[in-house]
PDB file of all heavy atoms in Angstrom:
ATOM      1  N   LEU A   1       0.823  -1.210   0.000  1.00  0.00           N
ATOM      2  CA  LEU A   1       0.000   0.000   0.000  1.00  0.00           C
ATOM      3  C   LEU A   1       0.855   1.257   0.000  1.00  0.00           C
ATOM      4  O   LEU A   1       0.515   2.259  -0.639  1.00  0.00           O
ATOM      5  CB  LEU A   1      -0.916   0.004   1.234  1.00  0.00           C
ATOM      6  CG  LEU A   1      -2.042  -1.029   1.265  1.00  0.00           C
ATOM      7  CD1 LEU A   1      -2.717  -1.022   2.634  1.00  0.00           C
ATOM      8  CD2 LEU A   1      -3.056  -0.761   0.171  1.00  0.00           C
ATOM      9  N   VAL A   2       1.983   1.227   0.722  1.00  0.00           N
ATOM     10  CA  VAL A   2       2.801   2.428   0.915  1.00  0.00           C
ATOM     11  C   VAL A   2       3.857   2.585  -0.181  1.00  0.00           C
ATOM     12  O   VAL A   2       4.044   3.679  -0.735  1.00  0.00           O
ATOM     13  CB  VAL A   2       3.475   2.393   2.298  1.00  0.00           C
ATOM     14  CG1 VAL A   2       4.401   3.594   2.477  1.00  0.00           C
ATOM     15  CG2 VAL A   2       2.417   2.350   3.393  1.00  0.00           C
ATOM     16  N   GLY A   3       4.549   1.480  -0.521  1.00  0.00           N
ATOM     17  CA  GLY A   3       5.684   1.555  -1.430  1.00  0.00           C
ATOM     18  C   GLY A   3       5.386   2.171  -2.787  1.00  0.00           C
ATOM     19  O   GLY A   3       6.091   3.107  -3.217  1.00  0.00           O
ATOM     20  N   PRO A   4       4.354   1.693  -3.515  1.00  0.00           N
ATOM     21  CA  PRO A   4       4.071   2.289  -4.827  1.00  0.00           C
ATOM     22  C   PRO A   4       3.732   3.776  -4.753  1.00  0.00           C
ATOM     23  O   PRO A   4       4.103   4.545  -5.644  1.00  0.00           O
ATOM     24  CB  PRO A   4       2.871   1.465  -5.323  1.00  0.00           C
ATOM     25  CG  PRO A   4       3.016   0.146  -4.646  1.00  0.00           C
ATOM     26  CD  PRO A   4       3.546   0.467  -3.292  1.00  0.00           C
ATOM     27  N   ALA A   5       3.026   4.187  -3.686  1.00  0.00           N
ATOM     28  CA  ALA A   5       2.677   5.603  -3.549  1.00  0.00           C
ATOM     29  C   ALA A   5       3.933   6.449  -3.356  1.00  0.00           C
ATOM     30  O   ALA A   5       4.102   7.502  -3.990  1.00  0.00           O
ATOM     31  CB  ALA A   5       1.720   5.796  -2.374  1.00  0.00           C
ATOM     32  N   VAL A   6       4.848   5.988  -2.504  1.00  0.00           N
ATOM     33  CA  VAL A   6       6.100   6.719  -2.280  1.00  0.00           C
ATOM     34  C   VAL A   6       6.938   6.735  -3.558  1.00  0.00           C
ATOM     35  O   VAL A   6       7.544   7.746  -3.915  1.00  0.00           O
ATOM     36  CB  VAL A   6       6.885   6.089  -1.119  1.00  0.00           C
ATOM     37  CG1 VAL A   6       8.231   6.787  -0.937  1.00  0.00           C
ATOM     38  CG2 VAL A   6       6.075   6.162   0.175  1.00  0.00           C
ATOM     39  N   ALA A   7       6.952   5.584  -4.262  1.00  0.00           N
ATOM     40  CA  ALA A   7       7.718   5.518  -5.513  1.00  0.00           C
ATOM     41  C   ALA A   7       7.177   6.509  -6.531  1.00  0.00           C
ATOM     42  O   ALA A   7       7.956   7.178  -7.231  1.00  0.00           O
ATOM     43  CB  ALA A   7       7.659   4.093  -6.080  1.00  0.00           C
ATOM     44  N   GLY A   8       5.862   6.621  -6.623  1.00  0.00           N
ATOM     45  CA  GLY A   8       5.267   7.567  -7.555  1.00  0.00           C
ATOM     46  C   GLY A   8       5.689   8.991  -7.257  1.00  0.00           C
ATOM     47  O   GLY A   8       6.025   9.765  -8.174  1.00  0.00           O
ATOM     48  N   LEU A   9       5.709   9.338  -5.967  1.00  0.00           N
ATOM     49  CA  LEU A   9       6.125  10.688  -5.580  1.00  0.00           C
ATOM     50  C   LEU A   9       7.605  10.930  -5.902  1.00  0.00           C
ATOM     51  O   LEU A   9       7.979  12.002  -6.394  1.00  0.00           O
ATOM     52  CB  LEU A   9       5.869  10.896  -4.088  1.00  0.00           C
ATOM     53  CG  LEU A   9       4.398  10.940  -3.648  1.00  0.00           C
ATOM     54  CD1 LEU A   9       4.305  11.004  -2.131  1.00  0.00           C
ATOM     55  CD2 LEU A   9       3.687  12.142  -4.278  1.00  0.00           C
ATOM     56  N   MET A  10       8.453   9.921  -5.657  1.00  0.00           N
ATOM     57  CA  MET A  10       9.885  10.092  -5.898  1.00  0.00           C
ATOM     58  C   MET A  10      10.175  10.167  -7.394  1.00  0.00           C
ATOM     59  O   MET A  10      10.999  10.981  -7.830  1.00  0.00           O
ATOM     60  CB  MET A  10      10.665   8.936  -5.258  1.00  0.00           C
ATOM     61  CG  MET A  10      10.658   8.943  -3.746  1.00  0.00           C
ATOM     62  SD  MET A  10      11.875   7.816  -3.026  1.00  0.00           S
ATOM     63  CE  MET A  10      13.402   8.674  -3.384  1.00  0.00           C
ATOM     64  N   ILE A  11       9.519   9.310  -8.181  1.00  0.00           N
ATOM     65  CA  ILE A  11       9.754   9.322  -9.626  1.00  0.00           C
ATOM     66  C   ILE A  11       9.352  10.672 -10.216  1.00  0.00           C
ATOM     67  O   ILE A  11      10.063  11.255 -11.031  1.00  0.00           O
ATOM     68  CB  ILE A  11       8.982   8.173 -10.298  1.00  0.00           C
ATOM     69  CG1 ILE A  11       9.573   6.826  -9.888  1.00  0.00           C
ATOM     70  CG2 ILE A  11       9.004   8.323 -11.821  1.00  0.00           C
ATOM     71  CD1 ILE A  11       8.737   5.638 -10.304  1.00  0.00           C
ATOM     72  N   THR A  12       8.193  11.180  -9.772  1.00  0.00           N
ATOM     73  CA  THR A  12       7.704  12.464 -10.273  1.00  0.00           C
ATOM     74  C   THR A  12       8.581  13.618  -9.786  1.00  0.00           C
ATOM     75  O   THR A  12       8.879  14.547 -10.543  1.00  0.00           O
ATOM     76  CB  THR A  12       6.254  12.696  -9.819  1.00  0.00           C
ATOM     77  OG1 THR A  12       5.449  11.606 -10.272  1.00  0.00           O
ATOM     78  CG2 THR A  12       5.712  13.984 -10.382  1.00  0.00           C
ATOM     79  N   GLY A  13       9.009  13.549  -8.518  1.00  0.00           N
ATOM     80  CA  GLY A  13       9.724  14.670  -7.923  1.00  0.00           C
ATOM     81  C   GLY A  13      11.207  14.705  -8.231  1.00  0.00           C
ATOM     82  O   GLY A  13      11.750  15.757  -8.614  1.00  0.00           O
ATOM     83  N   VAL A  14      11.910  13.568  -8.091  1.00  0.00           N
ATOM     84  CA  VAL A  14      13.373  13.587  -8.224  1.00  0.00           C
ATOM     85  C   VAL A  14      13.913  12.554  -9.203  1.00  0.00           C
ATOM     86  O   VAL A  14      15.105  12.570  -9.520  1.00  0.00           O
ATOM     87  CB  VAL A  14      14.037  13.381  -6.837  1.00  0.00           C
ATOM     88  CG1 VAL A  14      13.760  14.561  -5.941  1.00  0.00           C
ATOM     89  CG2 VAL A  14      13.576  12.078  -6.183  1.00  0.00           C
ATOM     90  N   GLY A  15      13.092  11.610  -9.666  1.00  0.00           N
ATOM     91  CA  GLY A  15      13.545  10.646 -10.671  1.00  0.00           C
ATOM     92  C   GLY A  15      13.669   9.235 -10.142  1.00  0.00           C
ATOM     93  O   GLY A  15      13.738   8.992  -8.927  1.00  0.00           O
ATOM     94  N   THR A  16      13.732   8.270 -11.080  1.00  0.00           N
ATOM     95  CA  THR A  16      13.744   6.844 -10.719  1.00  0.00           C
ATOM     96  C   THR A  16      15.015   6.443  -9.983  1.00  0.00           C
ATOM     97  O   THR A  16      14.997   5.534  -9.140  1.00  0.00           O
ATOM     98  CB  THR A  16      13.607   5.978 -11.986  1.00  0.00           C
ATOM     99  OG1 THR A  16      14.624   6.356 -12.925  1.00  0.00           O
ATOM    100  CG2 THR A  16      12.255   6.161 -12.628  1.00  0.00           C
ATOM    101  N   GLY A  17      16.128   7.105 -10.282  1.00  0.00           N
ATOM    102  CA  GLY A  17      17.389   6.739  -9.646  1.00  0.00           C
ATOM    103  C   GLY A  17      17.329   6.831  -8.136  1.00  0.00           C
ATOM    104  O   GLY A  17      17.906   5.996  -7.423  1.00  0.00           O
ATOM    105  N   TRP A  18      16.649   7.846  -7.638  1.00  0.00           N
ATOM    106  CA  TRP A  18      16.547   8.019  -6.187  1.00  0.00           C
ATOM    107  C   TRP A  18      15.672   6.939  -5.555  1.00  0.00           C
ATOM    108  O   TRP A  18      15.893   6.560  -4.394  1.00  0.00           O
ATOM    109  CB  TRP A  18      16.012   9.410  -5.862  1.00  0.00           C
ATOM    110  CG  TRP A  18      16.980  10.482  -6.230  1.00  0.00           C
ATOM    111  CD1 TRP A  18      16.947  11.278  -7.339  1.00  0.00           C
ATOM    112  CD2 TRP A  18      18.157  10.843  -5.515  1.00  0.00           C
ATOM    113  NE1 TRP A  18      18.026  12.118  -7.373  1.00  0.00           N
ATOM    114  CE2 TRP A  18      18.797  11.880  -6.250  1.00  0.00           C
ATOM    115  CE3 TRP A  18      18.752  10.402  -4.332  1.00  0.00           C
ATOM    116  CZ2 TRP A  18      19.987  12.469  -5.831  1.00  0.00           C
ATOM    117  CZ3 TRP A  18      19.945  11.002  -3.917  1.00  0.00           C
ATOM    118  CH2 TRP A  18      20.538  12.016  -4.650  1.00  0.00           C
ATOM    119  N   ALA A  19      14.694   6.416  -6.293  1.00  0.00           N
ATOM    120  CA  ALA A  19      13.885   5.306  -5.779  1.00  0.00           C
ATOM    121  C   ALA A  19      14.744   4.047  -5.643  1.00  0.00           C
ATOM    122  O   ALA A  19      14.621   3.300  -4.662  1.00  0.00           O
ATOM    123  CB  ALA A  19      12.689   5.045  -6.704  1.00  0.00           C
ATOM    124  N   PHE A  20      15.634   3.813  -6.624  1.00  0.00           N
ATOM    125  CA  PHE A  20      16.553   2.679  -6.521  1.00  0.00           C
ATOM    126  C   PHE A  20      17.490   2.848  -5.331  1.00  0.00           C
ATOM    127  O   PHE A  20      17.766   1.887  -4.601  1.00  0.00           O
ATOM    128  CB  PHE A  20      17.374   2.544  -7.807  1.00  0.00           C
ATOM    129  CG  PHE A  20      16.573   2.190  -9.023  1.00  0.00           C
ATOM    130  CD1 PHE A  20      16.842   2.800 -10.242  1.00  0.00           C
ATOM    131  CD2 PHE A  20      15.554   1.259  -8.962  1.00  0.00           C
ATOM    132  CE1 PHE A  20      16.117   2.483 -11.377  1.00  0.00           C
ATOM    133  CE2 PHE A  20      14.817   0.928 -10.089  1.00  0.00           C
ATOM    134  CZ  PHE A  20      15.096   1.542 -11.300  1.00  0.00           C
ATOM    135  N   LEU A  21      17.988   4.067  -5.142  1.00  0.00           N
ATOM    136  CA  LEU A  21      18.891   4.323  -4.026  1.00  0.00           C
ATOM    137  C   LEU A  21      18.183   4.109  -2.692  1.00  0.00           C
ATOM    138  O   LEU A  21      18.752   3.517  -1.759  1.00  0.00           O
ATOM    139  CB  LEU A  21      19.434   5.754  -4.109  1.00  0.00           C
ATOM    140  CG  LEU A  21      20.439   6.151  -3.020  1.00  0.00           C
ATOM    141  CD1 LEU A  21      21.672   5.261  -3.056  1.00  0.00           C
ATOM    142  CD2 LEU A  21      20.838   7.623  -3.159  1.00  0.00           C
ATOM    143  N   ALA A  22      16.935   4.575  -2.608  1.00  0.00           N
ATOM    144  CA  ALA A  22      16.164   4.379  -1.372  1.00  0.00           C
ATOM    145  C   ALA A  22      15.987   2.898  -1.082  1.00  0.00           C
ATOM    146  O   ALA A  22      16.084   2.455   0.074  1.00  0.00           O
ATOM    147  CB  ALA A  22      14.808   5.070  -1.491  1.00  0.00           C
ATOM    148  N   ASN A  23      15.739   2.097  -2.109  1.00  0.00           N
ATOM    149  CA  ASN A  23      15.594   0.659  -1.893  1.00  0.00           C
ATOM    150  C   ASN A  23      16.914   0.047  -1.436  1.00  0.00           C
ATOM    151  O   ASN A  23      16.941  -0.781  -0.511  1.00  0.00           O
ATOM    152  CB  ASN A  23      15.122  -0.028  -3.176  1.00  0.00           C
ATOM    153  CG  ASN A  23      14.992  -1.526  -3.003  1.00  0.00           C
ATOM    154  OD1 ASN A  23      14.421  -2.005  -2.037  1.00  0.00           O
ATOM    155  ND2 ASN A  23      15.541  -2.287  -3.941  1.00  0.00           N
ATOM    156  N   GLY A  24      18.008   0.444  -2.073  1.00  0.00           N
ATOM    157  CA  GLY A  24      19.300  -0.088  -1.651  1.00  0.00           C
ATOM    158  C   GLY A  24      19.607   0.223  -0.194  1.00  0.00           C
ATOM    159  O   GLY A  24      20.057  -0.649   0.566  1.00  0.00           O
TER     160      GLY A  24
END
């Protein structure tokens, strides 16, 4: 429930790379 919503905000705001970094 939480992860996709946060990913959407990060992709829109700062880009996909930061979502990968957050996961790492």
